[in-house]
């Protein structure tokens, strides 16, 4: 696999980024780690960034803004970054993601939106029933999710949001509460393949491993594989972590799509070398 120069964009060296560096070097790939917070450069002219000739880049920044903006900068140099800026932006915005999934026939939980603290009450009874979940329009790791069981809970959420001086919190992204079987599924897509997946078990309604969910290897049946690939195509992603719920009436539904996904726990419980799989895909992309 030698002869390919891979740029690794990062801001924190987590287990995943170290794994990419170690595995790339074992494969003979010339990997160039680039610490995004210390980068400066001119749009369209990469001479100031210190980035030489590279064949392809992998975006691994934890910060959404670092990942999006550094990808845009690299794209201004004509560098092919995985994932693209469009995919990073759409996956960060839950409404945008849901809209693309729905428009492409990918099932999702029933989702409602309003743009004002007062009008959120009008959703209830117009299709939506308690309990439901209010989510921030941007965010990850299960942060700032609110389970609303009744009107009193909703008033509390609205009151708290009305004092958060950020216009993002006047946008209400509201989803039905899916009665999951004590788990959800994190499915990984690499190119046009679905190589590995895990169940995330928890007694809590939030099942993210970042919130204590326990990872267990999951079987990938043809329906799940097809769903994941259609979701990946909808957002234009190359390497994604797709969160799937098992809806008691609808079957598989896609909850969220992650464009800079963590996978340490997946490798730990499945033994699958996802790092190598991603690198092999990047090499094939570079050689196209």
Foldseek 3Di string as FASTA:
>chain_A
DAPAEEEEEEADDDPLNVLLVVVCVVVNYNYHYANQVPADDDALDCPRRPDDDHLAYEQAYPDLVSRLVVLNSVVSPVHHYAVHSLLSVQQQFQVSLVVLCVVLPAFAFDKDKDQALVCVVVVDVVPDHPFKWWDQRGDDPPPPIATRGDPVSSVVLSVVLVPPPDSSSSMTIMGHQFPFPQWKKWWKAAALWTDFMWIFGDPDSDRGVSVPTATAGDDQDPVNSVSVNSSCVSSVGRIKIWIWGQGPPPGIHTYGIHRNDDCPNVCVRPVDPVSVVNVVSRVVVSVD
